[in-house]
Amino acid sequence: MKLSTRSRYGTRMVLDLAKRFDEGPVRIGDIAEREGISVKYLEQLIILLKQADFIRSVRGPKGGHMLSRPPENITVGEVVKVLEGGMNLTVCVENPEKCEKSMDCVTRDVWEAASKAMYDKLDSMTLAGLL
């Protein structure tokens, strides 16, 4: 299993913001330069994270983006769930009706347990803890 670039880059972006939590808004271009990620890609991720209320934006010459909560109150699991669009490794775990075999499928239990183990671990790590 691989996490998408959305999760990998998005986590790097929120960690960059967490490092600068007490410094005020951070320009997206500065994050892009430090992390080696395109501004356009980060702009797409910011939209998702703003909708989920992890990031807020300030307009104007001293504007930019900042975390909406302290880094100790945001887990890696929360960020990944938003960026991946769910919390399960397979569609059948989240939506059993999408698979006709889901009620009799032994492997579905495996994917469900693996999803839970992964998110239990990711949810135990806060941005502050990683810093």
Protein backbone atom coordinates (compact mmCIF):
# COMPACT_ATOMS: atom_id res chain seq x y z
CA MET A 1 0.00 0.00 0.00
CA LYS A 2 1.17 3.49 -0.79
CA LEU A 3 -0.11 6.78 0.49
CA SER A 4 -0.79 9.26 -2.27
CA THR A 5 1.33 12.35 -2.82
CA ARG A 6 -1.64 14.29 -1.43
CA SER A 7 -1.05 12.75 1.99
CA ARG A 8 2.73 12.88 1.86
CA TYR A 9 2.95 16.46 0.61
CA GLY A 10 -0.01 17.63 2.67
CA THR A 11 1.54 16.28 5.85
CA ARG A 12 4.81 18.04 5.00
CA MET A 13 2.89 21.26 4.43
CA VAL A 14 1.02 21.13 7.75
CA LEU A 15 4.26 20.29 9.55
CA ASP A 16 5.84 23.36 7.95
CA LEU A 17 2.92 25.42 9.27
CA ALA A 18 3.21 23.74 12.68
CA LYS A 19 6.89 24.75 12.92
CA ARG A 20 5.80 28.36 12.42
CA PHE A 21 2.59 28.20 14.44
CA ASP A 22 3.39 31.22 16.63
CA GLU A 23 4.82 33.31 13.79
CA GLY A 24 1.58 34.26 12.03
CA PRO A 25 0.51 33.56 8.45
CA VAL A 26 2.94 31.74 6.15
CA ARG A 27 3.02 32.36 2.42
CA ILE A 28 2.38 29.29 0.28
CA GLY A 29 5.32 30.18 -1.95
CA ASP A 30 7.64 29.98 1.06
CA ILE A 31 6.31 26.52 1.96
CA ALA A 32 6.68 25.39 -1.66
CA GLU A 33 10.28 26.57 -1.75
CA ARG A 34 11.24 24.95 1.58
CA GLU A 35 9.51 21.65 0.78
CA GLY A 36 10.27 21.43 -2.94
CA ILE A 37 6.59 21.13 -3.86
CA SER A 38 4.84 23.18 -6.53
CA VAL A 39 2.70 26.12 -5.41
CA LYS A 40 -0.18 24.90 -7.60
CA TYR A 41 -0.20 21.49 -5.91
CA LEU A 42 -0.09 23.02 -2.43
CA GLU A 43 -2.97 25.34 -3.36
CA GLN A 44 -5.09 22.27 -4.15
CA LEU A 45 -4.23 20.70 -0.81
CA ILE A 46 -4.90 23.93 1.09
CA ILE A 47 -8.48 23.93 -0.23
CA LEU A 48 -9.14 20.47 1.23
CA LEU A 49 -7.49 21.31 4.53
CA LYS A 50 -9.36 24.61 4.82
CA GLN A 51 -12.69 22.86 4.19
CA ALA A 52 -11.82 20.45 7.00
CA ASP A 53 -10.93 23.40 9.27
CA PHE A 54 -7.25 22.53 9.74
CA ILE A 55 -5.98 25.67 8.02
CA ARG A 56 -7.20 29.23 7.90
CA SER A 57 -6.06 31.95 5.55
CA VAL A 58 -5.37 35.64 5.96
CA ARG A 59 -5.54 37.98 2.97
CA GLY A 60 -3.41 40.98 2.32
CA PRO A 61 0.27 41.90 2.09
CA LYS A 62 1.08 40.13 5.36
CA GLY A 63 -1.33 37.31 4.61
CA GLY A 64 -0.81 33.63 4.20
CA HIS A 65 -1.92 30.41 5.81
CA MET A 66 -1.81 29.10 9.35
CA LEU A 67 -3.06 26.15 11.34
CA SER A 68 -6.48 26.75 12.84
CA ARG A 69 -5.58 24.69 15.92
CA PRO A 70 -2.37 24.20 17.90
CA PRO A 71 -0.08 21.45 16.51
CA GLU A 72 -0.65 19.33 19.61
CA ASN A 73 -4.36 19.18 18.72
CA ILE A 74 -3.93 17.85 15.18
CA THR A 75 -2.98 14.25 14.43
CA VAL A 76 -1.34 12.89 11.32
CA GLY A 77 -4.31 10.53 10.99
CA GLU A 78 -6.76 13.43 10.78
CA VAL A 79 -4.74 15.06 8.01
CA VAL A 80 -4.35 11.83 6.05
CA LYS A 81 -8.08 11.03 6.33
CA VAL A 82 -8.95 14.40 4.80
CA LEU A 83 -6.40 14.15 2.02
CA GLU A 84 -7.11 10.51 1.16
CA GLY A 85 -10.87 11.03 1.26
CA GLY A 86 -11.52 8.36 3.85
CA MET A 87 -9.93 6.12 6.37
CA ASN A 88 -9.99 2.65 4.84
CA LEU A 89 -7.57 0.83 2.59
CA THR A 90 -10.33 -0.54 0.37
CA VAL A 91 -13.71 0.69 -0.76
CA CYS A 92 -15.47 -2.44 0.53
CA VAL A 93 -14.50 -1.70 4.14
CA GLU A 94 -16.08 1.74 4.09
CA ASN A 95 -18.98 0.86 1.77
CA PRO A 96 -19.79 -2.87 1.96
CA GLU A 97 -22.70 -2.40 -0.44
CA LYS A 98 -20.20 -1.62 -3.22
CA CYS A 99 -19.08 -5.26 -3.24
CA GLU A 100 -21.47 -8.16 -3.63
CA LYS A 101 -19.12 -10.45 -1.67
CA SER A 102 -18.47 -8.17 1.29
CA MET A 103 -20.57 -10.13 3.78
CA ASP A 104 -18.82 -13.43 2.97
CA CYS A 105 -15.36 -12.13 2.17
CA VAL A 106 -12.57 -13.23 4.48
CA THR A 107 -10.11 -10.72 3.02
CA ARG A 108 -12.44 -7.83 3.85
CA ASP A 109 -11.75 -8.54 7.53
CA VAL A 110 -8.02 -8.32 6.80
CA TRP A 111 -8.39 -4.92 5.09
CA GLU A 112 -10.59 -3.67 7.89
CA ALA A 113 -8.07 -4.71 10.57
CA ALA A 114 -5.17 -3.25 8.59
CA SER A 115 -7.02 0.05 8.10
CA LYS A 116 -7.77 0.25 11.81
CA ALA A 117 -4.16 -0.53 12.78
CA MET A 118 -2.79 2.07 10.39
CA TYR A 119 -5.12 4.83 11.57
CA ASP A 120 -4.69 3.91 15.24
CA LYS A 121 -0.98 4.54 14.75
CA LEU A 122 -1.42 7.72 12.67
CA ASP A 123 -4.00 9.06 15.14
CA SER A 124 -1.52 8.58 17.98
CA MET A 125 0.95 11.01 16.38
CA THR A 126 0.35 14.73 16.71
CA LEU A 127 2.08 17.39 14.63
CA ALA A 128 3.70 18.70 17.81
CA GLY A 129 5.00 15.22 18.62
CA LEU A 130 6.66 14.98 15.22
CA LEU A 131 8.35 18.33 15.67
